[in-house]
N, C-alpha and C. Protein backbone atom coordinates (compact mmCIF):
# COMPACT_ATOMS: atom_id res chain seq x y z
N UNK A 1 -7.52 16.85 4.29
CA UNK A 1 -6.79 16.60 3.07
C UNK A 1 -7.83 16.40 1.96
N UNK A 2 -7.73 17.22 0.93
CA UNK A 2 -8.72 17.13 -0.13
C UNK A 2 -8.42 15.97 -1.07
N UNK A 3 -9.32 15.77 -2.01
CA UNK A 3 -9.24 14.60 -2.89
C UNK A 3 -7.97 14.61 -3.75
N UNK A 4 -7.58 15.78 -4.24
CA UNK A 4 -6.40 15.86 -5.11
C UNK A 4 -5.13 15.48 -4.34
N UNK A 5 -4.99 15.98 -3.13
CA UNK A 5 -3.82 15.63 -2.32
C UNK A 5 -3.82 14.15 -1.97
N UNK A 6 -5.00 13.60 -1.70
CA UNK A 6 -5.10 12.17 -1.39
C UNK A 6 -4.71 11.33 -2.60
N UNK A 7 -5.14 11.75 -3.78
CA UNK A 7 -4.81 11.01 -5.00
C UNK A 7 -3.31 11.07 -5.29
N UNK A 8 -2.70 12.22 -5.10
CA UNK A 8 -1.25 12.35 -5.30
C UNK A 8 -0.50 11.49 -4.30
N UNK A 9 -0.93 11.52 -3.03
CA UNK A 9 -0.29 10.70 -2.00
C UNK A 9 -0.44 9.22 -2.33
N UNK A 10 -1.63 8.83 -2.81
CA UNK A 10 -1.89 7.45 -3.19
C UNK A 10 -0.97 7.01 -4.33
N UNK A 11 -0.82 7.87 -5.34
CA UNK A 11 0.00 7.49 -6.50
C UNK A 11 1.49 7.46 -6.18
N UNK A 12 1.94 8.28 -5.26
CA UNK A 12 3.35 8.25 -4.87
C UNK A 12 3.64 7.02 -4.02
N UNK A 13 2.71 6.66 -3.17
CA UNK A 13 2.92 5.55 -2.25
C UNK A 13 2.73 4.18 -2.90
N UNK A 14 1.99 4.11 -4.01
CA UNK A 14 1.67 2.82 -4.62
C UNK A 14 2.89 2.01 -5.05
N UNK A 15 3.91 2.58 -5.72
CA UNK A 15 5.06 1.74 -6.10
C UNK A 15 5.78 1.11 -4.91
N UNK A 16 5.87 1.85 -3.81
CA UNK A 16 6.50 1.29 -2.61
C UNK A 16 5.66 0.14 -2.05
N UNK A 17 4.36 0.31 -2.03
CA UNK A 17 3.48 -0.74 -1.53
C UNK A 17 3.49 -1.96 -2.47
N UNK A 18 3.64 -1.72 -3.76
CA UNK A 18 3.74 -2.83 -4.70
C UNK A 18 5.02 -3.62 -4.46
N UNK A 19 6.10 -2.93 -4.17
CA UNK A 19 7.35 -3.62 -3.84
C UNK A 19 7.19 -4.47 -2.58
N UNK A 20 6.49 -3.95 -1.60
CA UNK A 20 6.25 -4.72 -0.38
C UNK A 20 5.36 -5.92 -0.69
N UNK A 21 4.35 -5.75 -1.51
CA UNK A 21 3.50 -6.87 -1.90
C UNK A 21 4.27 -7.93 -2.66
N UNK A 22 5.18 -7.50 -3.53
CA UNK A 22 6.01 -8.47 -4.26
C UNK A 22 6.93 -9.24 -3.31
N UNK A 23 7.50 -8.54 -2.33
CA UNK A 23 8.36 -9.22 -1.36
C UNK A 23 7.58 -10.22 -0.52
N UNK A 24 6.36 -9.88 -0.15
CA UNK A 24 5.53 -10.80 0.63
C UNK A 24 5.19 -12.05 -0.17
N UNK A 25 4.79 -11.87 -1.43
CA UNK A 25 4.45 -13.05 -2.24
C UNK A 25 5.70 -13.86 -2.57
N UNK A 26 6.83 -13.19 -2.75
CA UNK A 26 8.09 -13.91 -2.98
C UNK A 26 8.47 -14.74 -1.76
N UNK A 27 8.37 -14.14 -0.58
CA UNK A 27 8.71 -14.88 0.65
C UNK A 27 7.74 -16.04 0.85
N UNK A 28 6.47 -15.84 0.55
CA UNK A 28 5.49 -16.91 0.68
C UNK A 28 5.80 -18.05 -0.27
N UNK A 29 6.18 -17.72 -1.52
CA UNK A 29 6.47 -18.77 -2.48
C UNK A 29 7.73 -19.54 -2.12
N UNK A 30 8.71 -18.87 -1.55
CA UNK A 30 9.92 -19.58 -1.13
C UNK A 30 9.66 -20.48 0.07
N UNK A 31 8.74 -20.06 0.93
CA UNK A 31 8.46 -20.83 2.14
C UNK A 31 7.60 -22.06 1.85
N UNK A 32 6.60 -21.94 0.98
CA UNK A 32 5.63 -23.00 0.83
C UNK A 32 5.65 -23.71 -0.52
N UNK A 33 6.43 -23.22 -1.47
CA UNK A 33 6.53 -23.87 -2.78
C UNK A 33 7.98 -24.23 -3.06
N UNK A 34 8.17 -25.18 -3.94
CA UNK A 34 9.53 -25.60 -4.27
C UNK A 34 10.21 -24.65 -5.24
N UNK A 35 9.44 -23.96 -6.03
CA UNK A 35 10.05 -23.07 -7.02
C UNK A 35 9.65 -21.62 -6.75
N UNK A 36 10.41 -20.71 -7.33
CA UNK A 36 10.15 -19.28 -7.20
C UNK A 36 8.99 -18.89 -8.09
N UNK A 37 8.04 -18.18 -7.52
CA UNK A 37 6.95 -17.68 -8.32
C UNK A 37 6.33 -16.49 -7.60
N UNK A 38 5.93 -15.50 -8.37
CA UNK A 38 5.29 -14.31 -7.82
C UNK A 38 3.84 -14.31 -8.26
N UNK A 39 2.97 -14.21 -7.32
CA UNK A 39 1.54 -14.11 -7.62
C UNK A 39 1.21 -12.63 -7.76
N UNK A 40 1.10 -12.18 -9.00
CA UNK A 40 0.92 -10.75 -9.27
C UNK A 40 -0.41 -10.23 -8.76
N UNK A 41 -1.45 -11.02 -8.85
CA UNK A 41 -2.75 -10.59 -8.36
C UNK A 41 -2.71 -10.34 -6.85
N UNK A 42 -2.10 -11.26 -6.13
CA UNK A 42 -1.99 -11.09 -4.68
C UNK A 42 -1.10 -9.89 -4.34
N UNK A 43 -0.04 -9.68 -5.10
CA UNK A 43 0.85 -8.54 -4.84
C UNK A 43 0.13 -7.22 -5.06
N UNK A 44 -0.67 -7.13 -6.11
CA UNK A 44 -1.41 -5.90 -6.38
C UNK A 44 -2.50 -5.68 -5.33
N UNK A 45 -3.17 -6.74 -4.90
CA UNK A 45 -4.19 -6.61 -3.87
C UNK A 45 -3.58 -6.16 -2.55
N UNK A 46 -2.45 -6.74 -2.18
CA UNK A 46 -1.75 -6.32 -0.97
C UNK A 46 -1.34 -4.86 -1.07
N UNK A 47 -0.82 -4.45 -2.23
CA UNK A 47 -0.41 -3.07 -2.43
C UNK A 47 -1.59 -2.12 -2.32
N UNK A 48 -2.72 -2.46 -2.92
CA UNK A 48 -3.90 -1.60 -2.85
C UNK A 48 -4.42 -1.46 -1.42
N UNK A 49 -4.48 -2.57 -0.70
CA UNK A 49 -4.98 -2.53 0.67
C UNK A 49 -4.07 -1.68 1.54
N UNK A 50 -2.76 -1.89 1.45
CA UNK A 50 -1.83 -1.09 2.24
C UNK A 50 -1.88 0.39 1.85
N UNK A 51 -1.96 0.65 0.56
CA UNK A 51 -1.99 2.02 0.07
C UNK A 51 -3.26 2.74 0.52
N UNK A 52 -4.40 2.09 0.44
CA UNK A 52 -5.65 2.69 0.90
C UNK A 52 -5.60 2.94 2.40
N UNK A 53 -5.05 2.01 3.16
CA UNK A 53 -4.94 2.19 4.60
C UNK A 53 -4.08 3.39 4.96
N UNK A 54 -2.89 3.50 4.35
CA UNK A 54 -2.00 4.60 4.69
C UNK A 54 -2.52 5.95 4.18
N UNK A 55 -3.21 5.96 3.05
CA UNK A 55 -3.82 7.19 2.56
C UNK A 55 -4.96 7.63 3.48
N UNK A 56 -5.77 6.69 3.91
CA UNK A 56 -6.85 7.00 4.85
C UNK A 56 -6.29 7.54 6.17
N UNK A 57 -5.24 6.90 6.66
CA UNK A 57 -4.65 7.32 7.93
C UNK A 57 -4.04 8.71 7.82
N UNK A 58 -3.38 9.02 6.72
CA UNK A 58 -2.80 10.34 6.51
C UNK A 58 -3.90 11.40 6.45
N UNK A 59 -4.99 11.11 5.77
CA UNK A 59 -6.11 12.04 5.71
C UNK A 59 -6.75 12.27 7.06
N UNK A 60 -6.87 11.21 7.83
CA UNK A 60 -7.43 11.32 9.17
C UNK A 60 -6.55 12.16 10.07
N UNK A 61 -5.23 11.96 10.01
CA UNK A 61 -4.30 12.73 10.81
C UNK A 61 -4.28 14.20 10.38
N UNK A 62 -4.41 14.46 9.08
CA UNK A 62 -4.44 15.83 8.59
C UNK A 62 -5.69 16.56 9.09
N UNK A 63 -6.82 15.87 9.09
CA UNK A 63 -8.05 16.47 9.61
C UNK A 63 -7.94 16.74 11.10
N UNK A 64 -7.31 15.82 11.82
CA UNK A 64 -7.15 16.00 13.27
C UNK A 64 -6.24 17.20 13.57
N UNK A 65 -5.15 17.35 12.80
CA UNK A 65 -4.26 18.48 13.00
C UNK A 65 -4.94 19.79 12.61
N UNK A 66 -5.73 19.77 11.57
CA UNK A 66 -6.44 20.97 11.12
C UNK A 66 -7.46 21.41 12.18
N UNK A 67 -8.08 20.45 12.84
CA UNK A 67 -9.06 20.77 13.87
C UNK A 67 -8.44 21.33 15.14
N UNK A 68 -7.23 20.92 15.47
CA UNK A 68 -6.58 21.40 16.69
C UNK A 68 -5.78 22.67 16.46
N UNK A 69 -5.47 23.00 15.20
CA UNK A 69 -4.66 24.18 14.90
C UNK A 69 -5.45 25.46 14.94
């Protein structure tokens, strides 16, 4: 998977990962704090880490399929 395809995959996947990061920080704040609060920095960091992981994994799988085809 070349750089352009990886970048497109990354940009499409980022909003979904940001939603997951927001849900994680929301659940954490409800569990450990008395009031509702979203830690935006933590949500963005979670989204970036998940997005980089899934983009890397997709690229690795694409290379593996290209090698066996």
